[in-house]
Structures are given as C-alpha cells and as structure tokens.
Amino acid sequence: MPKNNMRFERINEELKKEISHIISYELKNPSVTGLISVTKAKITPDLKYAKIYVSILNAKNDEETLEGLKKSSGFIRSQIAKRINLRITPELVFERDDSIEYGARIDSILREIKDKGEK
C-alpha cells in the first residue's frame, strides 16, 4: 500500500473515532436523537472535505436527526480541529448509511424463507 493511502486510512479512522465520541458525549443538539454510529469516514485527496457515514437507530425522526447532524457540523468540525492535527480541518458532509438496516432486513427475509422451508 502506498504511503499516502496509509495516511488517508489513518486520518479516516481518527476522524471516525473522534466524531463518534463528539456525537455521543458532547453534542447537545435536541434534534439529534437515537443511537448514532459513525460507520465510515472518507476524506477527499485534497483534505478539504470528509464524508461521514452514519447509521441512525431508534431515533424519534431519522431525517430530523440527520438534519441536526448537518447543522451541528460546524461545532463538530471545531472540536475535530482541536483534537486532530491537520493543516486544514475538513468540511464535514454527513450521509446516511443504511447498510446496517439493509443487513437486518436481509436477515429477516432469510429467516422467513428458512421457516417456510422447515414447514
């Protein structure tokens, strides 16, 4: 793996870890509800933007929670700037990651098929 790719991987992992911590313990936005997991962080090669993929479970309103995260991105970004030593702190772009829900849905469909096969 080229040295640069390893650097991006380290930055992505660090972003993921720190953003998870900030959302869980420091974010005081009442519209952000439920269990939010940062599933992936992907920084652009110019380090100006980072796409943050989140999974939202048990929220009052998923869309409202995602909107709340987007509105809180300035606060989260300022916290990241204090914790991670980067020349440029990337602009955070929050995206919904449905892979966990998708996986759970596939599991339930497979269980139904198995149950029908056993009858």
PDB file of N, CA and C in Angstrom:
ATOM      1  N   MET A   1       0.849  -1.190   0.000  1.00  0.00           N
ATOM      2  CA  MET A   1       0.000   0.000   0.000  1.00  0.00           C
ATOM      3  C   MET A   1       0.888   1.244   0.000  1.00  0.00           C
ATOM      4  N   PRO A   2       0.619   2.189  -0.908  1.00  0.00           N
ATOM      5  CA  PRO A   2       1.429   3.418  -0.931  1.00  0.00           C
ATOM      6  C   PRO A   2       1.317   4.187   0.385  1.00  0.00           C
ATOM      7  N   LYS A   3       2.374   4.912   0.699  1.00  0.00           N
ATOM      8  CA  LYS A   3       2.426   5.654   1.950  1.00  0.00           C
ATOM      9  C   LYS A   3       1.246   6.624   2.098  1.00  0.00           C
ATOM     10  N   ASN A   4       0.884   7.284   0.980  1.00  0.00           N
ATOM     11  CA  ASN A   4      -0.215   8.249   1.019  1.00  0.00           C
ATOM     12  C   ASN A   4      -1.551   7.597   1.390  1.00  0.00           C
ATOM     13  N   ASN A   5      -1.821   6.405   0.826  1.00  0.00           N
ATOM     14  CA  ASN A   5      -3.056   5.696   1.148  1.00  0.00           C
ATOM     15  C   ASN A   5      -3.121   5.333   2.622  1.00  0.00           C
ATOM     16  N   MET A   6      -1.985   4.936   3.180  1.00  0.00           N
ATOM     17  CA  MET A   6      -1.956   4.612   4.608  1.00  0.00           C
ATOM     18  C   MET A   6      -2.263   5.855   5.435  1.00  0.00           C
ATOM     19  N   ARG A   7      -1.780   6.987   5.002  1.00  0.00           N
ATOM     20  CA  ARG A   7      -2.046   8.241   5.717  1.00  0.00           C
ATOM     21  C   ARG A   7      -3.536   8.555   5.694  1.00  0.00           C
ATOM     22  N   PHE A   8      -4.171   8.406   4.509  1.00  0.00           N
ATOM     23  CA  PHE A   8      -5.613   8.666   4.409  1.00  0.00           C
ATOM     24  C   PHE A   8      -6.395   7.703   5.295  1.00  0.00           C
ATOM     25  N   GLU A   9      -5.981   6.441   5.325  1.00  0.00           N
ATOM     26  CA  GLU A   9      -6.657   5.457   6.170  1.00  0.00           C
ATOM     27  C   GLU A   9      -6.560   5.851   7.643  1.00  0.00           C
ATOM     28  N   ARG A  10      -5.368   6.288   8.062  1.00  0.00           N
ATOM     29  CA  ARG A  10      -5.191   6.720   9.456  1.00  0.00           C
ATOM     30  C   ARG A  10      -6.068   7.927   9.766  1.00  0.00           C
ATOM     31  N   ILE A  11      -6.100   8.894   8.848  1.00  0.00           N
ATOM     32  CA  ILE A  11      -6.932  10.089   9.054  1.00  0.00           C
ATOM     33  C   ILE A  11      -8.404   9.687   9.123  1.00  0.00           C
ATOM     34  N   ASN A  12      -8.844   8.823   8.201  1.00  0.00           N
ATOM     35  CA  ASN A  12     -10.241   8.375   8.197  1.00  0.00           C
ATOM     36  C   ASN A  12     -10.613   7.694   9.510  1.00  0.00           C
ATOM     37  N   GLU A  13      -9.737   6.820   9.991  1.00  0.00           N
ATOM     38  CA  GLU A  13     -10.009   6.111  11.248  1.00  0.00           C
ATOM     39  C   GLU A  13     -10.057   7.085  12.427  1.00  0.00           C
ATOM     40  N   GLU A  14      -9.127   8.029  12.442  1.00  0.00           N
ATOM     41  CA  GLU A  14      -9.089   9.015  13.527  1.00  0.00           C
ATOM     42  C   GLU A  14     -10.348   9.887  13.507  1.00  0.00           C
ATOM     43  N   LEU A  15     -10.747  10.327  12.308  1.00  0.00           N
ATOM     44  CA  LEU A  15     -11.973  11.120  12.170  1.00  0.00           C
ATOM     45  C   LEU A  15     -13.173  10.331  12.683  1.00  0.00           C
ATOM     46  N   LYS A  16     -13.278   9.098  12.249  1.00  0.00           N
ATOM     47  CA  LYS A  16     -14.395   8.237  12.649  1.00  0.00           C
ATOM     48  C   LYS A  16     -14.474   8.127  14.170  1.00  0.00           C
ATOM     49  N   LYS A  17     -13.331   7.859  14.790  1.00  0.00           N
ATOM     50  CA  LYS A  17     -13.272   7.689  16.245  1.00  0.00           C
ATOM     51  C   LYS A  17     -13.652   8.985  16.978  1.00  0.00           C
ATOM     52  N   GLU A  18     -13.052  10.093  16.564  1.00  0.00           N
ATOM     53  CA  GLU A  18     -13.299  11.370  17.259  1.00  0.00           C
ATOM     54  C   GLU A  18     -14.732  11.864  17.051  1.00  0.00           C
ATOM     55  N   ILE A  19     -15.244  11.736  15.837  1.00  0.00           N
ATOM     56  CA  ILE A  19     -16.618  12.201  15.569  1.00  0.00           C
ATOM     57  C   ILE A  19     -17.616  11.362  16.354  1.00  0.00           C
ATOM     58  N   SER A  20     -17.378  10.055  16.443  1.00  0.00           N
ATOM     59  CA  SER A  20     -18.245   9.186  17.254  1.00  0.00           C
ATOM     60  C   SER A  20     -18.277   9.678  18.699  1.00  0.00           C
ATOM     61  N   HIS A  21     -17.099   9.983  19.230  1.00  0.00           N
ATOM     62  CA  HIS A  21     -17.004  10.448  20.613  1.00  0.00           C
ATOM     63  C   HIS A  21     -17.735  11.782  20.791  1.00  0.00           C
ATOM     64  N   ILE A  22     -17.526  12.706  19.872  1.00  0.00           N
ATOM     65  CA  ILE A  22     -18.155  14.032  19.972  1.00  0.00           C
ATOM     66  C   ILE A  22     -19.679  13.901  19.916  1.00  0.00           C
ATOM     67  N   ILE A  23     -20.199  13.100  18.970  1.00  0.00           N
ATOM     68  CA  ILE A  23     -21.653  12.936  18.841  1.00  0.00           C
ATOM     69  C   ILE A  23     -22.219  12.291  20.106  1.00  0.00           C
ATOM     70  N   SER A  24     -21.528  11.291  20.630  1.00  0.00           N
ATOM     71  CA  SER A  24     -22.036  10.559  21.797  1.00  0.00           C
ATOM     72  C   SER A  24     -22.000  11.367  23.084  1.00  0.00           C
ATOM     73  N   TYR A  25     -20.937  12.142  23.291  1.00  0.00           N
ATOM     74  CA  TYR A  25     -20.745  12.762  24.602  1.00  0.00           C
ATOM     75  C   TYR A  25     -20.816  14.277  24.653  1.00  0.00           C
ATOM     76  N   GLU A  26     -20.638  14.963  23.534  1.00  0.00           N
ATOM     77  CA  GLU A  26     -20.527  16.421  23.621  1.00  0.00           C
ATOM     78  C   GLU A  26     -21.600  17.185  22.864  1.00  0.00           C
ATOM     79  N   LEU A  27     -22.231  16.533  21.899  1.00  0.00           N
ATOM     80  CA  LEU A  27     -23.221  17.220  21.076  1.00  0.00           C
ATOM     81  C   LEU A  27     -24.496  17.428  21.878  1.00  0.00           C
ATOM     82  N   LYS A  28     -24.938  18.675  21.959  1.00  0.00           N
ATOM     83  CA  LYS A  28     -26.119  19.000  22.754  1.00  0.00           C
ATOM     84  C   LYS A  28     -27.261  19.496  21.863  1.00  0.00           C
ATOM     85  N   ASN A  29     -27.447  18.850  20.713  1.00  0.00           N
ATOM     86  CA  ASN A  29     -28.499  19.256  19.789  1.00  0.00           C
ATOM     87  C   ASN A  29     -29.732  18.406  20.059  1.00  0.00           C
ATOM     88  N   PRO A  30     -30.858  19.033  20.493  1.00  0.00           N
ATOM     89  CA  PRO A  30     -32.045  18.243  20.851  1.00  0.00           C
ATOM     90  C   PRO A  30     -32.676  17.496  19.668  1.00  0.00           C
ATOM     91  N   SER A  31     -32.399  17.917  18.448  1.00  0.00           N
ATOM     92  CA  SER A  31     -32.989  17.220  17.295  1.00  0.00           C
ATOM     93  C   SER A  31     -32.206  15.953  16.932  1.00  0.00           C
ATOM     94  N   VAL A  32     -31.025  15.780  17.523  1.00  0.00           N
ATOM     95  CA  VAL A  32     -30.226  14.571  17.277  1.00  0.00           C
ATOM     96  C   VAL A  32     -30.585  13.558  18.362  1.00  0.00           C
ATOM     97  N   THR A  33     -31.376  12.545  17.961  1.00  0.00           N
ATOM     98  CA  THR A  33     -31.841  11.541  18.918  1.00  0.00           C
ATOM     99  C   THR A  33     -31.462  10.147  18.441  1.00  0.00           C
ATOM    100  N   GLY A  34     -31.577   9.197  19.340  1.00  0.00           N
ATOM    101  CA  GLY A  34     -31.326   7.808  18.976  1.00  0.00           C
ATOM    102  C   GLY A  34     -29.868   7.436  19.095  1.00  0.00           C
ATOM    103  N   LEU A  35     -29.580   6.235  18.622  1.00  0.00           N
ATOM    104  CA  LEU A  35     -28.216   5.715  18.645  1.00  0.00           C
ATOM    105  C   LEU A  35     -27.580   6.005  17.291  1.00  0.00           C
ATOM    106  N   ILE A  36     -26.522   6.788  17.300  1.00  0.00           N
ATOM    107  CA  ILE A  36     -25.859   7.167  16.055  1.00  0.00           C
ATOM    108  C   ILE A  36     -24.476   6.532  16.032  1.00  0.00           C
ATOM    109  N   SER A  37     -24.243   5.760  14.997  1.00  0.00           N
ATOM    110  CA  SER A  37     -22.934   5.122  14.822  1.00  0.00           C
ATOM    111  C   SER A  37     -22.275   5.707  13.591  1.00  0.00           C
ATOM    112  N   VAL A  38     -21.045   6.126  13.738  1.00  0.00           N
ATOM    113  CA  VAL A  38     -20.274   6.567  12.582  1.00  0.00           C
ATOM    114  C   VAL A  38     -19.687   5.293  11.971  1.00  0.00           C
ATOM    115  N   THR A  39     -20.181   4.928  10.787  1.00  0.00           N
ATOM    116  CA  THR A  39     -19.764   3.667  10.185  1.00  0.00           C
ATOM    117  C   THR A  39     -18.521   3.827   9.323  1.00  0.00           C
ATOM    118  N   LYS A  40     -18.328   5.038   8.790  1.00  0.00           N
ATOM    119  CA  LYS A  40     -17.192   5.235   7.882  1.00  0.00           C
ATOM    120  C   LYS A  40     -16.916   6.729   7.729  1.00  0.00           C
ATOM    121  N   ALA A  41     -15.661   7.062   7.561  1.00  0.00           N
ATOM    122  CA  ALA A  41     -15.256   8.431   7.241  1.00  0.00           C
ATOM    123  C   ALA A  41     -14.376   8.333   6.002  1.00  0.00           C
ATOM    124  N   LYS A  42     -14.614   9.221   5.058  1.00  0.00           N
ATOM    125  CA  LYS A  42     -13.829   9.176   3.823  1.00  0.00           C
ATOM    126  C   LYS A  42     -13.420  10.604   3.459  1.00  0.00           C
ATOM    127  N   ILE A  43     -12.125  10.874   3.585  1.00  0.00           N
ATOM    128  CA  ILE A  43     -11.616  12.214   3.317  1.00  0.00           C
ATOM    129  C   ILE A  43     -11.195  12.315   1.848  1.00  0.00           C
ATOM    130  N   THR A  44     -11.410  13.501   1.261  1.00  0.00           N
ATOM    131  CA  THR A  44     -11.016  13.700  -0.133  1.00  0.00           C
ATOM    132  C   THR A  44      -9.496  13.854  -0.212  1.00  0.00           C
ATOM    133  N   PRO A  45      -8.903  13.571  -1.379  1.00  0.00           N
ATOM    134  CA  PRO A  45      -7.437  13.672  -1.517  1.00  0.00           C
ATOM    135  C   PRO A  45      -6.875  15.053  -1.181  1.00  0.00           C
ATOM    136  N   ASP A  46      -7.670  16.119  -1.382  1.00  0.00           N
ATOM    137  CA  ASP A  46      -7.174  17.462  -1.051  1.00  0.00           C
ATOM    138  C   ASP A  46      -7.401  17.822   0.423  1.00  0.00           C
ATOM    139  N   LEU A  47      -7.971  16.901   1.192  1.00  0.00           N
ATOM    140  CA  LEU A  47      -8.232  17.060   2.633  1.00  0.00           C
ATOM    141  C   LEU A  47      -9.231  18.168   2.969  1.00  0.00           C
ATOM    142  N   LYS A  48      -9.973  18.652   1.983  1.00  0.00           N
ATOM    143  CA  LYS A  48     -10.912  19.746   2.248  1.00  0.00           C
ATOM    144  C   LYS A  48     -12.283  19.268   2.713  1.00  0.00           C
ATOM    145  N   TYR A  49     -12.661  18.068   2.317  1.00  0.00           N
ATOM    146  CA  TYR A  49     -13.977  17.537   2.681  1.00  0.00           C
ATOM    147  C   TYR A  49     -13.834  16.134   3.245  1.00  0.00           C
ATOM    148  N   ALA A  50     -14.732  15.791   4.145  1.00  0.00           N
ATOM    149  CA  ALA A  50     -14.792  14.422   4.652  1.00  0.00           C
ATOM    150  C   ALA A  50     -16.247  14.006   4.669  1.00  0.00           C
ATOM    151  N   LYS A  51     -16.538  12.911   3.988  1.00  0.00           N
ATOM    152  CA  LYS A  51     -17.882  12.347   4.032  1.00  0.00           C
ATOM    153  C   LYS A  51     -17.945  11.448   5.250  1.00  0.00           C
ATOM    154  N   ILE A  52     -18.926  11.698   6.075  1.00  0.00           N
ATOM    155  CA  ILE A  52     -19.096  10.927   7.301  1.00  0.00           C
ATOM    156  C   ILE A  52     -20.391  10.127   7.159  1.00  0.00           C
ATOM    157  N   TYR A  53     -20.249   8.816   7.148  1.00  0.00           N
ATOM    158  CA  TYR A  53     -21.419   7.942   7.000  1.00  0.00           C
ATOM    159  C   TYR A  53     -21.899   7.535   8.382  1.00  0.00           C
ATOM    160  N   VAL A  54     -23.193   7.770   8.635  1.00  0.00           N
ATOM    161  CA  VAL A  54     -23.761   7.453   9.945  1.00  0.00           C
ATOM    162  C   VAL A  54     -24.943   6.510   9.813  1.00  0.00           C
ATOM    163  N   SER A  55     -25.064   5.652  10.797  1.00  0.00           N
ATOM    164  CA  SER A  55     -26.213   4.766  10.908  1.00  0.00           C
ATOM    165  C   SER A  55     -27.030   5.281  12.082  1.00  0.00           C
ATOM    166  N   ILE A  56     -28.328   5.445  11.870  1.00  0.00           N
ATOM    167  CA  ILE A  56     -29.198   6.021  12.900  1.00  0.00           C
ATOM    168  C   ILE A  56     -30.220   4.962  13.310  1.00  0.00           C
ATOM    169  N   LEU A  57     -30.213   4.609  14.584  1.00  0.00           N
ATOM    170  CA  LEU A  57     -31.165   3.626  15.104  1.00  0.00           C
ATOM    171  C   LEU A  57     -31.969   4.226  16.249  1.00  0.00           C
ATOM    172  N   ASN A  58     -33.231   3.863  16.333  1.00  0.00           N
ATOM    173  CA  ASN A  58     -34.134   4.278  17.422  1.00  0.00           C
ATOM    174  C   ASN A  58     -34.258   5.789  17.577  1.00  0.00           C
ATOM    175  N   ALA A  59     -34.152   6.526  16.500  1.00  0.00           N
ATOM    176  CA  ALA A  59     -34.322   7.976  16.588  1.00  0.00           C
ATOM    177  C   ALA A  59     -35.812   8.293  16.535  1.00  0.00           C
ATOM    178  N   LYS A  60     -36.203   9.442  17.127  1.00  0.00           N
ATOM    179  CA  LYS A  60     -37.601   9.873  17.029  1.00  0.00           C
ATOM    180  C   LYS A  60     -37.952  10.096  15.566  1.00  0.00           C
ATOM    181  N   ASN A  61     -37.010  10.753  14.850  1.00  0.00           N
ATOM    182  CA  ASN A  61     -37.205  11.030  13.429  1.00  0.00           C
ATOM    183  C   ASN A  61     -35.830  10.986  12.759  1.00  0.00           C
ATOM    184  N   ASP A  62     -35.639  10.003  11.890  1.00  0.00           N
ATOM    185  CA  ASP A  62     -34.329   9.817  11.257  1.00  0.00           C
ATOM    186  C   ASP A  62     -33.881  11.031  10.449  1.00  0.00           C
ATOM    187  N   GLU A  63     -34.810  11.585   9.667  1.00  0.00           N
ATOM    188  CA  GLU A  63     -34.468  12.739   8.822  1.00  0.00           C
ATOM    189  C   GLU A  63     -34.084  13.940   9.674  1.00  0.00           C
ATOM    190  N   GLU A  64     -34.831  14.154  10.755  1.00  0.00           N
ATOM    191  CA  GLU A  64     -34.557  15.281  11.655  1.00  0.00           C
ATOM    192  C   GLU A  64     -33.188  15.110  12.319  1.00  0.00           C
ATOM    193  N   THR A  65     -32.862  13.874  12.673  1.00  0.00           N
ATOM    194  CA  THR A  65     -31.566  13.584  13.298  1.00  0.00           C
ATOM    195  C   THR A  65     -30.429  13.860  12.322  1.00  0.00           C
ATOM    196  N   LEU A  66     -30.591  13.409  11.072  1.00  0.00           N
ATOM    197  CA  LEU A  66     -29.560  13.662  10.058  1.00  0.00           C
ATOM    198  C   LEU A  66     -29.408  15.161   9.811  1.00  0.00           C
ATOM    199  N   GLU A  67     -30.529  15.869   9.757  1.00  0.00           N
ATOM    200  CA  GLU A  67     -30.513  17.333   9.577  1.00  0.00           C
ATOM    201  C   GLU A  67     -29.799  17.994  10.753  1.00  0.00           C
ATOM    202  N   GLY A  68     -30.078  17.511  11.969  1.00  0.00           N
ATOM    203  CA  GLY A  68     -29.429  18.042  13.176  1.00  0.00           C
ATOM    204  C   GLY A  68     -27.923  17.855  13.127  1.00  0.00           C
ATOM    205  N   LEU A  69     -27.485  16.697  12.630  1.00  0.00           N
ATOM    206  CA  LEU A  69     -26.044  16.453  12.489  1.00  0.00           C
ATOM    207  C   LEU A  69     -25.439  17.423  11.489  1.00  0.00           C
ATOM    208  N   LYS A  70     -26.141  17.632  10.381  1.00  0.00           N
ATOM    209  CA  LYS A  70     -25.640  18.561   9.359  1.00  0.00           C
ATOM    210  C   LYS A  70     -25.522  19.969   9.933  1.00  0.00           C
ATOM    211  N   LYS A  71     -26.525  20.374  10.723  1.00  0.00           N
ATOM    212  CA  LYS A  71     -26.496  21.716  11.321  1.00  0.00           C
ATOM    213  C   LYS A  71     -25.410  21.830  12.390  1.00  0.00           C
ATOM    214  N   SER A  72     -25.060  20.713  13.010  1.00  0.00           N
ATOM    215  CA  SER A  72     -24.029  20.714  14.058  1.00  0.00           C
ATOM    216  C   SER A  72     -22.627  20.505  13.499  1.00  0.00           C
ATOM    217  N   SER A  73     -22.510  20.392  12.186  1.00  0.00           N
ATOM    218  CA  SER A  73     -21.204  20.065  11.603  1.00  0.00           C
ATOM    219  C   SER A  73     -20.147  21.122  11.920  1.00  0.00           C
ATOM    220  N   GLY A  74     -20.528  22.372  12.063  1.00  0.00           N
ATOM    221  CA  GLY A  74     -19.573  23.426  12.418  1.00  0.00           C
ATOM    222  C   GLY A  74     -18.974  23.192  13.794  1.00  0.00           C
ATOM    223  N   PHE A  75     -19.843  22.854  14.761  1.00  0.00           N
ATOM    224  CA  PHE A  75     -19.377  22.558  16.122  1.00  0.00           C
ATOM    225  C   PHE A  75     -18.465  21.332  16.114  1.00  0.00           C
ATOM    226  N   ILE A  76     -18.911  20.276  15.415  1.00  0.00           N
ATOM    227  CA  ILE A  76     -18.128  19.037  15.363  1.00  0.00           C
ATOM    228  C   ILE A  76     -16.777  19.305  14.709  1.00  0.00           C
ATOM    229  N   ARG A  77     -16.799  20.086  13.646  1.00  0.00           N
ATOM    230  CA  ARG A  77     -15.554  20.427  12.936  1.00  0.00           C
ATOM    231  C   ARG A  77     -14.586  21.197  13.851  1.00  0.00           C
ATOM    232  N   SER A  78     -15.118  22.132  14.633  1.00  0.00           N
ATOM    233  CA  SER A  78     -14.251  22.904  15.535  1.00  0.00           C
ATOM    234  C   SER A  78     -13.633  21.999  16.596  1.00  0.00           C
ATOM    235  N   GLN A  79     -14.385  20.989  17.058  1.00  0.00           N
ATOM    236  CA  GLN A  79     -13.844  20.041  18.032  1.00  0.00           C
ATOM    237  C   GLN A  79     -12.757  19.171  17.388  1.00  0.00           C
ATOM    238  N   ILE A  80     -12.987  18.793  16.142  1.00  0.00           N
ATOM    239  CA  ILE A  80     -12.000  17.996  15.400  1.00  0.00           C
ATOM    240  C   ILE A  80     -10.702  18.796  15.258  1.00  0.00           C
ATOM    241  N   ALA A  81     -10.828  20.085  14.963  1.00  0.00           N
ATOM    242  CA  ALA A  81      -9.645  20.945  14.785  1.00  0.00           C
ATOM    243  C   ALA A  81      -8.784  20.962  16.045  1.00  0.00           C
ATOM    244  N   LYS A  82      -9.431  20.886  17.222  1.00  0.00           N
ATOM    245  CA  LYS A  82      -8.689  20.897  18.488  1.00  0.00           C
ATOM    246  C   LYS A  82      -7.993  19.568  18.755  1.00  0.00           C
ATOM    247  N   ARG A  83      -8.547  18.479  18.205  1.00  0.00           N
ATOM    248  CA  ARG A  83      -8.055  17.136  18.551  1.00  0.00           C
ATOM    249  C   ARG A  83      -7.121  16.515  17.532  1.00  0.00           C
ATOM    250  N   ILE A  84      -7.372  16.783  16.260  1.00  0.00           N
ATOM    251  CA  ILE A  84      -6.556  16.157  15.214  1.00  0.00           C
ATOM    252  C   ILE A  84      -5.708  17.235  14.554  1.00  0.00           C
ATOM    253  N   ASN A  85      -4.425  16.996  14.507  1.00  0.00           N
ATOM    254  CA  ASN A  85      -3.503  17.988  13.968  1.00  0.00           C
ATOM    255  C   ASN A  85      -3.407  17.863  12.441  1.00  0.00           C
ATOM    256  N   LEU A  86      -4.282  18.617  11.755  1.00  0.00           N
ATOM    257  CA  LEU A  86      -4.263  18.667  10.290  1.00  0.00           C
ATOM    258  C   LEU A  86      -4.095  20.122   9.879  1.00  0.00           C
ATOM    259  N   ARG A  87      -3.417  20.326   8.768  1.00  0.00           N
ATOM    260  CA  ARG A  87      -3.263  21.702   8.287  1.00  0.00           C
ATOM    261  C   ARG A  87      -4.626  22.327   8.011  1.00  0.00           C
ATOM    262  N   ILE A  88      -5.470  21.557   7.346  1.00  0.00           N
ATOM    263  CA  ILE A  88      -6.831  22.017   7.039  1.00  0.00           C
ATOM    264  C   ILE A  88      -7.781  21.051   7.729  1.00  0.00           C
ATOM    265  N   THR A  89      -8.717  21.589   8.508  1.00  0.00           N
ATOM    266  CA  THR A  89      -9.741  20.717   9.078  1.00  0.00           C
ATOM    267  C   THR A  89     -10.823  20.583   8.019  1.00  0.00           C
ATOM    268  N   PRO A  90     -11.124  19.358   7.617  1.00  0.00           N
ATOM    269  CA  PRO A  90     -12.068  19.188   6.509  1.00  0.00           C
ATOM    270  C   PRO A  90     -13.496  19.615   6.845  1.00  0.00           C
ATOM    271  N   GLU A  91     -14.190  20.063   5.827  1.00  0.00           N
ATOM    272  CA  GLU A  91     -15.620  20.352   5.903  1.00  0.00           C
ATOM    273  C   GLU A  91     -16.304  18.985   6.035  1.00  0.00           C
ATOM    274  N   LEU A  92     -17.234  18.856   6.990  1.00  0.00           N
ATOM    275  CA  LEU A  92     -17.869  17.557   7.224  1.00  0.00           C
ATOM    276  C   LEU A  92     -19.192  17.466   6.467  1.00  0.00           C
ATOM    277  N   VAL A  93     -19.351  16.384   5.718  1.00  0.00           N
ATOM    278  CA  VAL A  93     -20.579  16.139   4.964  1.00  0.00           C
ATOM    279  C   VAL A  93     -21.172  14.845   5.507  1.00  0.00           C
ATOM    280  N   PHE A  94     -22.345  14.950   6.156  1.00  0.00           N
ATOM    281  CA  PHE A  94     -22.963  13.762   6.736  1.00  0.00           C
ATOM    282  C   PHE A  94     -23.869  13.071   5.731  1.00  0.00           C
ATOM    283  N   GLU A  95     -23.709  11.754   5.640  1.00  0.00           N
ATOM    284  CA  GLU A  95     -24.519  10.920   4.746  1.00  0.00           C
ATOM    285  C   GLU A  95     -25.089   9.778   5.569  1.00  0.00           C
ATOM    286  N   ARG A  96     -26.284   9.362   5.219  1.00  0.00           N
ATOM    287  CA  ARG A  96     -26.915   8.239   5.909  1.00  0.00           C
ATOM    288  C   ARG A  96     -26.359   6.926   5.364  1.00  0.00           C
ATOM    289  N   ASP A  97     -26.012   6.031   6.242  1.00  0.00           N
ATOM    290  CA  ASP A  97     -25.542   4.700   5.850  1.00  0.00           C
ATOM    291  C   ASP A  97     -26.612   3.699   6.252  1.00  0.00           C
ATOM    292  N   ASP A  98     -27.282   3.141   5.276  1.00  0.00           N
ATOM    293  CA  ASP A  98     -28.372   2.208   5.545  1.00  0.00           C
ATOM    294  C   ASP A  98     -27.913   0.757   5.561  1.00  0.00           C
ATOM    295  N   SER A  99     -26.624   0.505   5.504  1.00  0.00           N
ATOM    296  CA  SER A  99     -26.145  -0.871   5.375  1.00  0.00           C
ATOM    297  C   SER A  99     -26.543  -1.744   6.564  1.00  0.00           C
ATOM    298  N   ILE A 100     -26.590  -1.189   7.775  1.00  0.00           N
ATOM    299  CA  ILE A 100     -26.969  -1.991   8.941  1.00  0.00           C
ATOM    300  C   ILE A 100     -28.441  -2.396   8.839  1.00  0.00           C
ATOM    301  N   GLU A 101     -29.311  -1.416   8.501  1.00  0.00           N
ATOM    302  CA  GLU A 101     -30.737  -1.729   8.343  1.00  0.00           C
ATOM    303  C   GLU A 101     -30.944  -2.711   7.190  1.00  0.00           C
ATOM    304  N   TYR A 102     -30.186  -2.501   6.121  1.00  0.00           N
ATOM    305  CA  TYR A 102     -30.277  -3.365   4.947  1.00  0.00           C
ATOM    306  C   TYR A 102     -29.891  -4.803   5.318  1.00  0.00           C
ATOM    307  N   GLY A 103     -28.825  -4.942   6.073  1.00  0.00           N
ATOM    308  CA  GLY A 103     -28.382  -6.257   6.529  1.00  0.00           C
ATOM    309  C   GLY A 103     -29.428  -6.922   7.416  1.00  0.00           C
ATOM    310  N   ALA A 104     -30.034  -6.150   8.312  1.00  0.00           N
ATOM    311  CA  ALA A 104     -31.068  -6.692   9.203  1.00  0.00           C
ATOM    312  C   ALA A 104     -32.282  -7.149   8.391  1.00  0.00           C
ATOM    313  N   ARG A 105     -32.623  -6.382   7.373  1.00  0.00           N
ATOM    314  CA  ARG A 105     -33.761  -6.750   6.514  1.00  0.00           C
ATOM    315  C   ARG A 105     -33.474  -8.051   5.765  1.00  0.00           C
ATOM    316  N   ILE A 106     -32.281  -8.201   5.234  1.00  0.00           N
ATOM    317  CA  ILE A 106     -31.899  -9.437   4.534  1.00  0.00           C
ATOM    318  C   ILE A 106     -31.949 -10.619   5.505  1.00  0.00           C
ATOM    319  N   ASP A 107     -31.449 -10.405   6.733  1.00  0.00           N
ATOM    320  CA  ASP A 107     -31.510 -11.469   7.745  1.00  0.00           C
ATOM    321  C   ASP A 107     -32.940 -11.925   7.991  1.00  0.00           C
ATOM    322  N   SER A 108     -33.857 -10.970   8.139  1.00  0.00           N
ATOM    323  CA  SER A 108     -35.248 -11.340   8.420  1.00  0.00           C
ATOM    324  C   SER A 108     -35.878 -12.068   7.233  1.00  0.00           C
ATOM    325  N   ILE A 109     -35.553 -11.653   6.008  1.00  0.00           N
ATOM    326  CA  ILE A 109     -36.074 -12.334   4.817  1.00  0.00           C
ATOM    327  C   ILE A 109     -35.537 -13.764   4.762  1.00  0.00           C
ATOM    328  N   LEU A 110     -34.241 -13.932   5.033  1.00  0.00           N
ATOM    329  CA  LEU A 110     -33.655 -15.276   5.025  1.00  0.00           C
ATOM    330  C   LEU A 110     -34.280 -16.156   6.106  1.00  0.00           C
ATOM    331  N   ARG A 111     -34.564 -15.570   7.273  1.00  0.00           N
ATOM    332  CA  ARG A 111     -35.216 -16.326   8.352  1.00  0.00           C
ATOM    333  C   ARG A 111     -36.607 -16.790   7.925  1.00  0.00           C
ATOM    334  N   GLU A 112     -37.361 -15.873   7.277  1.00  0.00           N
ATOM    335  CA  GLU A 112     -38.708 -16.240   6.775  1.00  0.00           C
ATOM    336  C   GLU A 112     -38.627 -17.398   5.786  1.00  0.00           C
ATOM    337  N   ILE A 113     -37.678 -17.325   4.859  1.00  0.00           N
ATOM    338  CA  ILE A 113     -37.521 -18.377   3.847  1.00  0.00           C
ATOM    339  C   ILE A 113     -37.188 -19.705   4.543  1.00  0.00           C
ATOM    340  N   LYS A 114     -36.282 -19.634   5.529  1.00  0.00           N
ATOM    341  CA  LYS A 114     -35.882 -20.844   6.256  1.00  0.00           C
ATOM    342  C   LYS A 114     -37.076 -21.450   6.991  1.00  0.00           C
ATOM    343  N   ASP A 115     -37.869 -20.585   7.654  1.00  0.00           N
ATOM    344  CA  ASP A 115     -39.052 -21.054   8.386  1.00  0.00           C
ATOM    345  C   ASP A 115     -40.057 -21.715   7.458  1.00  0.00           C
ATOM    346  N   LYS A 116     -40.284 -21.122   6.287  1.00  0.00           N
ATOM    347  CA  LYS A 116     -41.220 -21.693   5.308  1.00  0.00           C
ATOM    348  C   LYS A 116     -40.693 -23.040   4.799  1.00  0.00           C
ATOM    349  N   GLY A 117     -39.386 -23.145   4.628  1.00  0.00           N
ATOM    350  CA  GLY A 117     -38.778 -24.385   4.153  1.00  0.00           C
ATOM    351  C   GLY A 117     -38.894 -25.517   5.160  1.00  0.00           C
ATOM    352  N   GLU A 118     -38.910 -25.166   6.463  1.00  0.00           N
ATOM    353  CA  GLU A 118     -38.999 -26.180   7.515  1.00  0.00           C
ATOM    354  C   GLU A 118     -40.421 -26.672   7.717  1.00  0.00           C
ATOM    355  N   LYS A 119     -41.410 -25.918   7.239  1.00  0.00           N
ATOM    356  CA  LYS A 119     -42.828 -26.308   7.452  1.00  0.00           C
ATOM    357  C   LYS A 119     -43.301 -27.326   6.467  1.00  0.00           C
TER     358      LYS A 119
END
